[in-house]
Amino acid sequence: MFGLEPSLPAKKALNIFKENNYSKIVELGAGLGRDSIYFAKNSINVTALDYSENGIKIINEKIKKENLTSSISTLKFDIREDLPFETNSVDACYSHMLYCMALTLKDLDKLNSEIHRILKPGGLNIYTVRNTNDGDYKKGIHRGEDLYEIDGFIIHFFSEDKILNLTNGFKNLIIEYFEEGSFPRKLYFICNKKN
């Protein structure tokens, strides 16, 4: 759906990881692994989590093909559950458009709490969301909060205020607007630091 090349946010995140000398990250909602593969090829150890068994299978095939078995591990996982990592054990978490899935604010609060728990002190949570300037916002069937179902797919849209309300235990460092794809999708790139 999004192509095979690494996303623009992954390229930006890699620079941040390198600046901070991070070597161990978790990608939440890894999809088909385009960003996980990119990180691994750039000396970052990645644990890639995704809800889709098929997505994990495809990532595993790419890992073998690219000979990256020592740099990436995968896990089929529902991020609404407690994250399967020790407290204070991860340098950074990364996710591209995971927060805009069919997750309520309650789900996202729990996810943020779990990310906060597993991050080392000063660790970063980098994520992207579609924003309320996006052309699909308020289209389709309203499913509560800022969730809209378009062509059978539920999308959660975000304002800057909503992003700032999801910083419990974090300090927001970056909220940057960017566009992606031919539509284009209108998004925010967010970087939060664990207090």
N, C-alpha and C. Protein backbone atom coordinates (compact mmCIF):
# COMPACT_ATOMS: atom_id res chain seq x y z
N MET A 1 0.82 -1.20 0.00
CA MET A 1 0.00 0.00 0.00
C MET A 1 0.86 1.27 0.00
N PHE A 2 1.98 1.27 0.76
CA PHE A 2 2.79 2.48 0.91
C PHE A 2 4.12 2.39 0.18
N GLY A 3 4.32 1.34 -0.61
CA GLY A 3 5.57 1.21 -1.34
C GLY A 3 6.64 0.45 -0.56
N LEU A 4 7.79 0.30 -1.16
CA LEU A 4 8.87 -0.49 -0.57
C LEU A 4 9.99 0.36 0.00
N GLU A 5 10.06 1.61 -0.42
CA GLU A 5 11.12 2.50 0.05
C GLU A 5 10.84 2.91 1.50
N PRO A 6 11.89 3.22 2.26
CA PRO A 6 11.66 3.70 3.62
C PRO A 6 10.85 4.99 3.60
N SER A 7 10.04 5.19 4.61
CA SER A 7 9.22 6.41 4.68
C SER A 7 10.09 7.61 5.05
N LEU A 8 9.58 8.78 4.73
CA LEU A 8 10.24 10.03 5.12
C LEU A 8 10.42 10.10 6.65
N PRO A 9 9.40 9.74 7.46
CA PRO A 9 9.60 9.76 8.91
C PRO A 9 10.71 8.80 9.38
N ALA A 10 10.86 7.66 8.71
CA ALA A 10 11.93 6.72 9.10
C ALA A 10 13.29 7.35 8.87
N LYS A 11 13.44 8.06 7.77
CA LYS A 11 14.72 8.72 7.48
C LYS A 11 15.02 9.78 8.53
N LYS A 12 13.99 10.54 8.90
CA LYS A 12 14.16 11.57 9.93
C LYS A 12 14.45 10.92 11.29
N ALA A 13 13.73 9.84 11.60
CA ALA A 13 13.93 9.14 12.88
C ALA A 13 15.34 8.56 12.96
N LEU A 14 15.83 8.00 11.86
CA LEU A 14 17.18 7.41 11.87
C LEU A 14 18.22 8.46 12.27
N ASN A 15 18.11 9.67 11.74
CA ASN A 15 19.03 10.74 12.12
C ASN A 15 18.98 11.02 13.62
N ILE A 16 17.77 11.02 14.17
CA ILE A 16 17.60 11.26 15.61
C ILE A 16 18.21 10.10 16.41
N PHE A 17 17.98 8.86 15.95
CA PHE A 17 18.56 7.71 16.64
C PHE A 17 20.09 7.80 16.64
N LYS A 18 20.66 8.13 15.50
CA LYS A 18 22.12 8.23 15.37
C LYS A 18 22.67 9.34 16.27
N GLU A 19 21.99 10.49 16.28
CA GLU A 19 22.42 11.62 17.12
C GLU A 19 22.46 11.23 18.60
N ASN A 20 21.57 10.34 19.00
CA ASN A 20 21.47 9.93 20.40
C ASN A 20 22.22 8.63 20.69
N ASN A 21 22.93 8.11 19.68
CA ASN A 21 23.68 6.85 19.83
C ASN A 21 22.78 5.69 20.25
N TYR A 22 21.55 5.66 19.71
CA TYR A 22 20.63 4.56 20.00
C TYR A 22 20.95 3.37 19.11
N SER A 23 20.84 2.19 19.67
CA SER A 23 21.11 0.98 18.89
C SER A 23 19.99 -0.05 18.99
N LYS A 24 19.01 0.18 19.87
CA LYS A 24 17.96 -0.81 20.11
C LYS A 24 16.60 -0.11 20.14
N ILE A 25 15.78 -0.39 19.11
CA ILE A 25 14.46 0.24 19.07
C ILE A 25 13.37 -0.82 18.87
N VAL A 26 12.16 -0.38 19.13
CA VAL A 26 10.97 -1.20 18.86
C VAL A 26 10.13 -0.45 17.84
N GLU A 27 9.78 -1.13 16.74
CA GLU A 27 8.81 -0.55 15.81
C GLU A 27 7.46 -1.17 16.07
N LEU A 28 6.50 -0.32 16.39
CA LEU A 28 5.13 -0.76 16.68
C LEU A 28 4.29 -0.57 15.44
N GLY A 29 3.62 -1.64 15.00
CA GLY A 29 2.83 -1.57 13.77
C GLY A 29 3.74 -1.50 12.56
N ALA A 30 4.61 -2.49 12.42
CA ALA A 30 5.66 -2.47 11.40
C ALA A 30 5.16 -2.69 9.98
N GLY A 31 3.89 -3.10 9.82
CA GLY A 31 3.34 -3.30 8.47
C GLY A 31 4.10 -4.37 7.72
N LEU A 32 4.64 -4.03 6.55
CA LEU A 32 5.40 -4.98 5.74
C LEU A 32 6.91 -4.79 5.93
N GLY A 33 7.29 -3.95 6.89
CA GLY A 33 8.69 -3.89 7.31
C GLY A 33 9.60 -2.93 6.57
N ARG A 34 9.04 -2.06 5.74
CA ARG A 34 9.93 -1.19 4.96
C ARG A 34 10.82 -0.33 5.85
N ASP A 35 10.27 0.18 6.96
CA ASP A 35 11.09 1.02 7.85
C ASP A 35 11.99 0.17 8.75
N SER A 36 11.50 -0.97 9.22
CA SER A 36 12.33 -1.88 10.02
C SER A 36 13.58 -2.30 9.26
N ILE A 37 13.40 -2.67 7.99
CA ILE A 37 14.53 -3.09 7.15
C ILE A 37 15.52 -1.93 7.00
N TYR A 38 15.00 -0.74 6.77
CA TYR A 38 15.84 0.45 6.63
C TYR A 38 16.67 0.70 7.89
N PHE A 39 16.02 0.62 9.05
CA PHE A 39 16.76 0.82 10.31
C PHE A 39 17.86 -0.23 10.46
N ALA A 40 17.50 -1.49 10.21
CA ALA A 40 18.47 -2.58 10.38
C ALA A 40 19.66 -2.43 9.44
N LYS A 41 19.40 -1.98 8.23
CA LYS A 41 20.50 -1.76 7.27
C LYS A 41 21.40 -0.60 7.69
N ASN A 42 20.92 0.18 8.65
CA ASN A 42 21.68 1.33 9.15
C ASN A 42 22.10 1.15 10.60
N SER A 43 22.40 -0.11 10.95
CA SER A 43 23.01 -0.46 12.24
C SER A 43 22.14 -0.22 13.47
N ILE A 44 20.81 -0.33 13.29
CA ILE A 44 19.89 -0.24 14.42
C ILE A 44 19.27 -1.63 14.60
N ASN A 45 19.31 -2.16 15.83
CA ASN A 45 18.63 -3.42 16.13
C ASN A 45 17.15 -3.12 16.35
N VAL A 46 16.30 -3.86 15.65
CA VAL A 46 14.86 -3.58 15.65
C VAL A 46 14.08 -4.81 16.10
N THR A 47 13.13 -4.57 16.99
CA THR A 47 12.09 -5.57 17.25
C THR A 47 10.84 -5.02 16.58
N ALA A 48 10.35 -5.72 15.57
CA ALA A 48 9.21 -5.27 14.77
C ALA A 48 7.94 -6.00 15.23
N LEU A 49 6.97 -5.25 15.70
CA LEU A 49 5.69 -5.81 16.14
C LEU A 49 4.60 -5.43 15.16
N ASP A 50 3.74 -6.37 14.85
CA ASP A 50 2.57 -6.06 14.04
C ASP A 50 1.45 -7.06 14.37
N TYR A 51 0.22 -6.60 14.21
CA TYR A 51 -0.95 -7.41 14.51
C TYR A 51 -1.21 -8.47 13.44
N SER A 52 -0.73 -8.20 12.23
CA SER A 52 -1.00 -9.07 11.09
C SER A 52 0.02 -10.21 10.98
N GLU A 53 -0.49 -11.42 11.04
CA GLU A 53 0.38 -12.59 10.87
C GLU A 53 1.02 -12.58 9.49
N ASN A 54 0.25 -12.18 8.48
CA ASN A 54 0.76 -12.12 7.12
C ASN A 54 1.86 -11.07 7.00
N GLY A 55 1.66 -9.91 7.65
CA GLY A 55 2.68 -8.86 7.65
C GLY A 55 3.98 -9.35 8.25
N ILE A 56 3.89 -10.05 9.38
CA ILE A 56 5.09 -10.59 10.05
C ILE A 56 5.78 -11.61 9.15
N LYS A 57 4.98 -12.44 8.47
CA LYS A 57 5.55 -13.44 7.55
C LYS A 57 6.34 -12.76 6.44
N ILE A 58 5.78 -11.68 5.88
CA ILE A 58 6.45 -10.94 4.81
C ILE A 58 7.75 -10.30 5.32
N ILE A 59 7.70 -9.72 6.52
CA ILE A 59 8.92 -9.13 7.10
C ILE A 59 9.98 -10.21 7.28
N ASN A 60 9.58 -11.37 7.80
CA ASN A 60 10.54 -12.46 8.01
C ASN A 60 11.19 -12.91 6.71
N GLU A 61 10.41 -12.94 5.63
CA GLU A 61 10.97 -13.28 4.31
C GLU A 61 12.00 -12.24 3.87
N LYS A 62 11.69 -10.95 4.10
CA LYS A 62 12.62 -9.88 3.75
C LYS A 62 13.90 -9.98 4.59
N ILE A 63 13.76 -10.30 5.86
CA ILE A 63 14.91 -10.42 6.75
C ILE A 63 15.87 -11.48 6.23
N LYS A 64 15.31 -12.64 5.84
CA LYS A 64 16.16 -13.72 5.30
C LYS A 64 16.82 -13.30 4.00
N LYS A 65 16.01 -12.70 3.10
CA LYS A 65 16.52 -12.28 1.80
C LYS A 65 17.65 -11.25 1.93
N GLU A 66 17.51 -10.34 2.88
CA GLU A 66 18.49 -9.26 3.07
C GLU A 66 19.61 -9.66 4.05
N ASN A 67 19.54 -10.89 4.59
CA ASN A 67 20.53 -11.38 5.55
C ASN A 67 20.63 -10.45 6.78
N LEU A 68 19.46 -10.17 7.36
CA LEU A 68 19.40 -9.27 8.52
C LEU A 68 18.92 -9.97 9.79
N THR A 69 19.08 -11.28 9.85
CA THR A 69 18.56 -12.04 11.00
C THR A 69 19.18 -11.61 12.33
N SER A 70 20.38 -11.08 12.31
CA SER A 70 21.00 -10.65 13.58
C SER A 70 20.55 -9.24 13.98
N SER A 71 19.84 -8.54 13.08
CA SER A 71 19.46 -7.15 13.35
C SER A 71 17.98 -6.92 13.59
N ILE A 72 17.14 -7.86 13.14
CA ILE A 72 15.68 -7.68 13.30
C ILE A 72 15.07 -8.95 13.87
N SER A 73 14.21 -8.76 14.86
CA SER A 73 13.34 -9.85 15.32
C SER A 73 11.90 -9.37 15.16
N THR A 74 10.98 -10.31 14.99
CA THR A 74 9.58 -9.95 14.77
C THR A 74 8.68 -10.64 15.78
N LEU A 75 7.52 -10.04 15.96
CA LEU A 75 6.55 -10.62 16.88
C LEU A 75 5.16 -10.19 16.45
N LYS A 76 4.27 -11.17 16.26
CA LYS A 76 2.85 -10.85 16.03
C LYS A 76 2.28 -10.42 17.37
N PHE A 77 1.72 -9.22 17.41
CA PHE A 77 1.34 -8.68 18.71
C PHE A 77 0.23 -7.65 18.56
N ASP A 78 -0.69 -7.64 19.52
CA ASP A 78 -1.76 -6.65 19.60
C ASP A 78 -1.30 -5.55 20.56
N ILE A 79 -1.06 -4.36 20.06
CA ILE A 79 -0.49 -3.31 20.90
C ILE A 79 -1.49 -2.78 21.95
N ARG A 80 -2.71 -3.31 21.97
CA ARG A 80 -3.64 -2.97 23.05
C ARG A 80 -3.32 -3.75 24.32
N GLU A 81 -2.42 -4.74 24.19
CA GLU A 81 -1.97 -5.52 25.35
C GLU A 81 -0.71 -4.87 25.95
N ASP A 82 -0.30 -5.33 27.14
CA ASP A 82 0.94 -4.84 27.73
C ASP A 82 2.11 -5.23 26.83
N LEU A 83 3.00 -4.29 26.58
CA LEU A 83 4.12 -4.55 25.68
C LEU A 83 5.07 -5.58 26.30
N PRO A 84 5.58 -6.52 25.47
CA PRO A 84 6.36 -7.66 25.99
C PRO A 84 7.85 -7.33 26.17
N PHE A 85 8.13 -6.24 26.90
CA PHE A 85 9.51 -5.84 27.13
C PHE A 85 9.69 -5.46 28.59
N GLU A 86 10.92 -5.58 29.06
CA GLU A 86 11.23 -5.20 30.44
C GLU A 86 11.12 -3.68 30.60
N THR A 87 10.84 -3.25 31.82
CA THR A 87 10.82 -1.84 32.15
C THR A 87 12.22 -1.23 31.92
N ASN A 88 12.26 -0.02 31.38
CA ASN A 88 13.51 0.73 31.15
C ASN A 88 14.52 -0.06 30.30
N SER A 89 14.06 -0.73 29.24
CA SER A 89 14.96 -1.60 28.48
C SER A 89 15.17 -1.19 27.02
N VAL A 90 14.43 -0.20 26.53
CA VAL A 90 14.44 0.12 25.10
C VAL A 90 14.88 1.58 24.90
N ASP A 91 15.75 1.81 23.92
CA ASP A 91 16.21 3.18 23.62
C ASP A 91 15.09 4.05 23.08
N ALA A 92 14.34 3.51 22.11
CA ALA A 92 13.31 4.31 21.45
C ALA A 92 12.22 3.41 20.87
N CYS A 93 11.03 3.99 20.74
CA CYS A 93 9.93 3.35 20.01
C CYS A 93 9.62 4.22 18.80
N TYR A 94 9.24 3.54 17.73
CA TYR A 94 8.92 4.22 16.48
C TYR A 94 7.66 3.60 15.91
N SER A 95 6.79 4.44 15.38
CA SER A 95 5.63 3.93 14.65
C SER A 95 5.19 4.96 13.62
N HIS A 96 4.88 4.47 12.44
CA HIS A 96 4.42 5.33 11.35
C HIS A 96 2.95 5.03 11.09
N MET A 97 2.09 5.93 11.50
CA MET A 97 0.63 5.88 11.32
C MET A 97 -0.06 4.80 12.17
N LEU A 98 0.63 4.20 13.12
CA LEU A 98 -0.04 3.25 14.01
C LEU A 98 -1.11 3.96 14.85
N TYR A 99 -0.79 5.14 15.36
CA TYR A 99 -1.73 5.85 16.22
C TYR A 99 -3.02 6.21 15.49
N CYS A 100 -2.99 6.24 14.15
CA CYS A 100 -4.23 6.56 13.43
C CYS A 100 -5.05 5.35 13.04
N MET A 101 -4.70 4.19 13.61
CA MET A 101 -5.55 3.01 13.41
C MET A 101 -6.82 3.15 14.25
N ALA A 102 -7.64 2.12 14.26
CA ALA A 102 -8.92 2.15 14.98
C ALA A 102 -8.67 1.98 16.49
N LEU A 103 -7.96 2.97 17.05
CA LEU A 103 -7.63 2.97 18.47
C LEU A 103 -8.30 4.18 19.12
N THR A 104 -8.97 3.95 20.24
CA THR A 104 -9.62 5.05 20.95
C THR A 104 -8.56 5.79 21.78
N LEU A 105 -8.94 6.94 22.31
CA LEU A 105 -8.01 7.68 23.19
C LEU A 105 -7.63 6.85 24.41
N LYS A 106 -8.58 6.05 24.90
CA LYS A 106 -8.28 5.16 26.03
C LYS A 106 -7.19 4.15 25.63
N ASP A 107 -7.32 3.56 24.43
CA ASP A 107 -6.29 2.63 23.91
C ASP A 107 -4.94 3.33 23.81
N LEU A 108 -4.96 4.56 23.29
CA LEU A 108 -3.72 5.30 23.07
C LEU A 108 -3.07 5.73 24.38
N ASP A 109 -3.89 6.08 25.37
CA ASP A 109 -3.35 6.39 26.71
C ASP A 109 -2.62 5.18 27.29
N LYS A 110 -3.24 4.01 27.14
CA LYS A 110 -2.63 2.78 27.65
C LYS A 110 -1.33 2.48 26.90
N LEU A 111 -1.37 2.61 25.57
CA LEU A 111 -0.18 2.38 24.76
C LEU A 111 0.95 3.32 25.18
N ASN A 112 0.63 4.62 25.35
CA ASN A 112 1.65 5.58 25.77
C ASN A 112 2.23 5.22 27.13
N SER A 113 1.39 4.76 28.05
CA SER A 113 1.88 4.34 29.37
C SER A 113 2.85 3.17 29.25
N GLU A 114 2.51 2.23 28.38
CA GLU A 114 3.38 1.07 28.17
C GLU A 114 4.69 1.47 27.48
N ILE A 115 4.61 2.38 26.52
CA ILE A 115 5.83 2.86 25.88
C ILE A 115 6.71 3.56 26.91
N HIS A 116 6.09 4.38 27.74
CA HIS A 116 6.83 5.07 28.80
C HIS A 116 7.52 4.06 29.72
N ARG A 117 6.81 3.00 30.06
CA ARG A 117 7.37 1.98 30.96
C ARG A 117 8.60 1.32 30.37
N ILE A 118 8.56 0.94 29.09
CA ILE A 118 9.66 0.15 28.52
C ILE A 118 10.85 1.01 28.10
N LEU A 119 10.64 2.32 27.89
CA LEU A 119 11.75 3.17 27.47
C LEU A 119 12.72 3.40 28.62
N LYS A 120 14.00 3.47 28.27
CA LYS A 120 15.01 3.89 29.22
C LYS A 120 14.76 5.35 29.59
N PRO A 121 15.24 5.80 30.75
CA PRO A 121 15.11 7.22 31.08
C PRO A 121 15.69 8.09 29.96
N GLY A 122 14.92 9.08 29.51
CA GLY A 122 15.35 9.93 28.40
C GLY A 122 15.10 9.33 27.03
N GLY A 123 14.51 8.13 26.99
CA GLY A 123 14.21 7.47 25.71
C GLY A 123 13.15 8.22 24.93
N LEU A 124 13.09 7.93 23.63
CA LEU A 124 12.20 8.67 22.74
C LEU A 124 11.07 7.80 22.18
N ASN A 125 9.92 8.42 22.04
CA ASN A 125 8.81 7.82 21.30
C ASN A 125 8.56 8.70 20.09
N ILE A 126 8.86 8.15 18.91
CA ILE A 126 8.67 8.87 17.65
C ILE A 126 7.51 8.22 16.91
N TYR A 127 6.52 9.03 16.55
CA TYR A 127 5.38 8.47 15.83
C TYR A 127 4.79 9.51 14.88
N THR A 128 3.98 9.05 13.95
CA THR A 128 3.30 9.94 13.02
C THR A 128 1.79 9.68 13.08
N VAL A 129 1.04 10.72 12.77
CA VAL A 129 -0.42 10.62 12.73
C VAL A 129 -0.95 11.45 11.58
N ARG A 130 -2.07 11.03 11.04
CA ARG A 130 -2.78 11.89 10.08
C ARG A 130 -3.45 13.00 10.89
N ASN A 131 -3.45 14.20 10.33
CA ASN A 131 -3.97 15.31 11.12
C ASN A 131 -5.33 15.80 10.60
N THR A 132 -5.88 16.73 11.35
CA THR A 132 -7.24 17.19 11.06
C THR A 132 -7.32 18.11 9.84
N ASN A 133 -6.19 18.37 9.18
CA ASN A 133 -6.19 19.09 7.90
C ASN A 133 -6.25 18.13 6.72
N ASP A 134 -6.17 16.83 7.00
CA ASP A 134 -6.17 15.81 5.95
C ASP A 134 -7.49 15.84 5.17
N GLY A 135 -7.40 15.58 3.88
CA GLY A 135 -8.59 15.60 3.02
C GLY A 135 -9.65 14.56 3.38
N ASP A 136 -9.26 13.50 4.09
CA ASP A 136 -10.22 12.47 4.50
C ASP A 136 -10.90 12.77 5.83
N TYR A 137 -10.43 13.80 6.54
CA TYR A 137 -11.01 14.11 7.85
C TYR A 137 -12.48 14.48 7.72
N LYS A 138 -13.29 13.87 8.55
CA LYS A 138 -14.75 14.04 8.58
C LYS A 138 -15.44 13.48 7.35
N LYS A 139 -14.77 12.62 6.58
CA LYS A 139 -15.39 11.92 5.46
C LYS A 139 -15.78 10.53 5.95
N GLY A 140 -16.61 9.85 5.20
CA GLY A 140 -16.99 8.49 5.56
C GLY A 140 -17.91 8.45 6.76
N ILE A 141 -17.89 7.32 7.46
CA ILE A 141 -18.80 7.08 8.59
C ILE A 141 -18.08 7.44 9.89
N HIS A 142 -18.70 8.34 10.67
CA HIS A 142 -18.11 8.73 11.95
C HIS A 142 -18.23 7.58 12.95
N ARG A 143 -17.12 7.20 13.57
CA ARG A 143 -17.09 6.07 14.51
C ARG A 143 -16.75 6.50 15.93
N GLY A 144 -17.03 7.78 16.27
CA GLY A 144 -16.74 8.30 17.60
C GLY A 144 -15.40 9.01 17.61
N GLU A 145 -15.23 9.89 18.63
CA GLU A 145 -14.01 10.69 18.76
C GLU A 145 -13.68 11.31 17.39
N ASP A 146 -12.44 11.20 16.94
CA ASP A 146 -12.09 11.68 15.59
C ASP A 146 -11.77 10.50 14.69
N LEU A 147 -12.57 9.43 14.81
CA LEU A 147 -12.41 8.22 14.02
C LEU A 147 -13.46 8.20 12.91
N TYR A 148 -12.98 7.98 11.68
CA TYR A 148 -13.89 7.91 10.53
C TYR A 148 -13.57 6.68 9.70
N GLU A 149 -14.62 5.97 9.31
CA GLU A 149 -14.45 4.78 8.48
C GLU A 149 -14.59 5.17 7.01
N ILE A 150 -13.52 4.90 6.26
CA ILE A 150 -13.49 5.23 4.84
C ILE A 150 -13.12 3.95 4.08
N ASP A 151 -14.01 3.51 3.20
CA ASP A 151 -13.78 2.28 2.42
C ASP A 151 -13.45 1.09 3.31
N GLY A 152 -14.15 0.97 4.45
CA GLY A 152 -13.97 -0.18 5.35
C GLY A 152 -12.77 -0.08 6.26
N PHE A 153 -12.08 1.07 6.25
CA PHE A 153 -10.86 1.25 7.04
C PHE A 153 -11.06 2.43 7.99
N ILE A 154 -10.87 2.21 9.29
CA ILE A 154 -11.09 3.28 10.27
C ILE A 154 -9.78 4.04 10.50
N ILE A 155 -9.87 5.37 10.42
CA ILE A 155 -8.71 6.24 10.60
C ILE A 155 -8.98 7.21 11.75
N HIS A 156 -8.00 7.32 12.64
CA HIS A 156 -8.07 8.28 13.75
C HIS A 156 -7.26 9.52 13.35
N PHE A 157 -7.87 10.69 13.42
CA PHE A 157 -7.22 11.95 13.03
C PHE A 157 -6.86 12.75 14.27
N PHE A 158 -5.78 13.54 14.17
CA PHE A 158 -5.22 14.23 15.33
C PHE A 158 -5.02 15.72 15.11
N SER A 159 -5.38 16.48 16.13
CA SER A 159 -5.02 17.90 16.20
C SER A 159 -3.75 18.00 17.05
N GLU A 160 -3.11 19.17 17.02
CA GLU A 160 -1.93 19.37 17.88
C GLU A 160 -2.32 19.25 19.35
N ASP A 161 -3.50 19.75 19.71
CA ASP A 161 -3.95 19.66 21.11
C ASP A 161 -4.07 18.20 21.56
N LYS A 162 -4.60 17.36 20.70
CA LYS A 162 -4.74 15.94 21.05
C LYS A 162 -3.36 15.32 21.26
N ILE A 163 -2.41 15.65 20.41
CA ILE A 163 -1.04 15.14 20.54
C ILE A 163 -0.45 15.57 21.88
N LEU A 164 -0.63 16.84 22.22
CA LEU A 164 -0.07 17.36 23.47
C LEU A 164 -0.77 16.77 24.69
N ASN A 165 -2.02 16.36 24.53
CA ASN A 165 -2.73 15.70 25.63
C ASN A 165 -2.28 14.25 25.83
N LEU A 166 -1.51 13.73 24.88
CA LEU A 166 -0.99 12.35 24.98
C LEU A 166 0.48 12.34 25.41
N THR A 167 0.87 13.31 26.22
CA THR A 167 2.28 13.39 26.62
C THR A 167 2.51 13.07 28.09
N ASN A 168 1.58 12.40 28.73
CA ASN A 168 1.72 12.09 30.15
C ASN A 168 3.02 11.32 30.40
N GLY A 169 3.94 11.93 31.17
CA GLY A 169 5.24 11.29 31.44
C GLY A 169 6.29 11.59 30.39
N PHE A 170 5.91 12.36 29.38
CA PHE A 170 6.83 12.71 28.29
C PHE A 170 6.93 14.23 28.15
N LYS A 171 8.03 14.68 27.56
CA LYS A 171 8.17 16.06 27.12
C LYS A 171 8.13 16.05 25.60
N ASN A 172 7.24 16.86 25.02
CA ASN A 172 7.19 16.93 23.56
C ASN A 172 8.36 17.74 23.04
N LEU A 173 9.12 17.17 22.10
CA LEU A 173 10.26 17.85 21.49
C LEU A 173 9.93 18.37 20.09
N ILE A 174 9.13 17.61 19.34
CA ILE A 174 8.85 17.95 17.94
C ILE A 174 7.39 17.62 17.60
N ILE A 175 6.73 18.57 16.95
CA ILE A 175 5.49 18.30 16.18
C ILE A 175 5.70 19.01 14.85
N GLU A 176 5.91 18.25 13.80
CA GLU A 176 6.16 18.85 12.48
C GLU A 176 5.15 18.32 11.47
N TYR A 177 4.61 19.24 10.69
CA TYR A 177 3.68 18.90 9.63
C TYR A 177 4.45 18.36 8.42
N PHE A 178 3.92 17.31 7.79
CA PHE A 178 4.48 16.86 6.51
C PHE A 178 3.38 16.19 5.70
N GLU A 179 3.66 15.97 4.42
CA GLU A 179 2.71 15.32 3.53
C GLU A 179 3.34 14.07 2.95
N GLU A 180 2.50 13.08 2.63
CA GLU A 180 3.02 11.83 2.09
C GLU A 180 2.04 11.27 1.07
N GLY A 181 2.58 10.74 -0.02
CA GLY A 181 1.75 10.09 -1.03
C GLY A 181 1.16 11.08 -2.02
N SER A 182 0.44 10.53 -2.99
CA SER A 182 -0.09 11.36 -4.07
C SER A 182 -1.41 12.02 -3.71
N PHE A 183 -2.07 11.59 -2.64
CA PHE A 183 -3.38 12.14 -2.27
C PHE A 183 -3.32 13.64 -2.00
N PRO A 184 -2.41 14.26 -1.24
CA PRO A 184 -1.51 13.58 -0.31
C PRO A 184 -2.14 13.46 1.08
N ARG A 185 -1.62 12.49 1.86
CA ARG A 185 -2.01 12.40 3.27
C ARG A 185 -1.30 13.54 4.01
N LYS A 186 -1.98 14.17 4.94
CA LYS A 186 -1.41 15.26 5.73
C LYS A 186 -1.18 14.74 7.15
N LEU A 187 0.06 14.82 7.59
CA LEU A 187 0.46 14.18 8.84
C LEU A 187 1.26 15.09 9.74
N TYR A 188 1.44 14.63 10.98
CA TYR A 188 2.39 15.22 11.92
C TYR A 188 3.45 14.17 12.25
N PHE A 189 4.68 14.63 12.39
CA PHE A 189 5.80 13.84 12.89
C PHE A 189 6.01 14.31 14.33
N ILE A 190 5.95 13.35 15.27
CA ILE A 190 6.02 13.69 16.69
C ILE A 190 7.20 12.98 17.34
N CYS A 191 7.92 13.70 18.18
CA CYS A 191 8.99 13.10 18.97
C CYS A 191 8.81 13.53 20.42
N ASN A 192 8.60 12.55 21.30
CA ASN A 192 8.43 12.79 22.72
C ASN A 192 9.54 12.11 23.50
N LYS A 193 10.04 12.78 24.52
CA LYS A 193 11.13 12.26 25.34
C LYS A 193 10.60 11.88 26.72
N LYS A 194 10.97 10.69 27.18
CA LYS A 194 10.54 10.23 28.50
C LYS A 194 11.15 11.10 29.59
N ASN A 195 10.31 11.61 30.48
CA ASN A 195 10.79 12.42 31.61
C ASN A 195 11.54 11.55 32.60
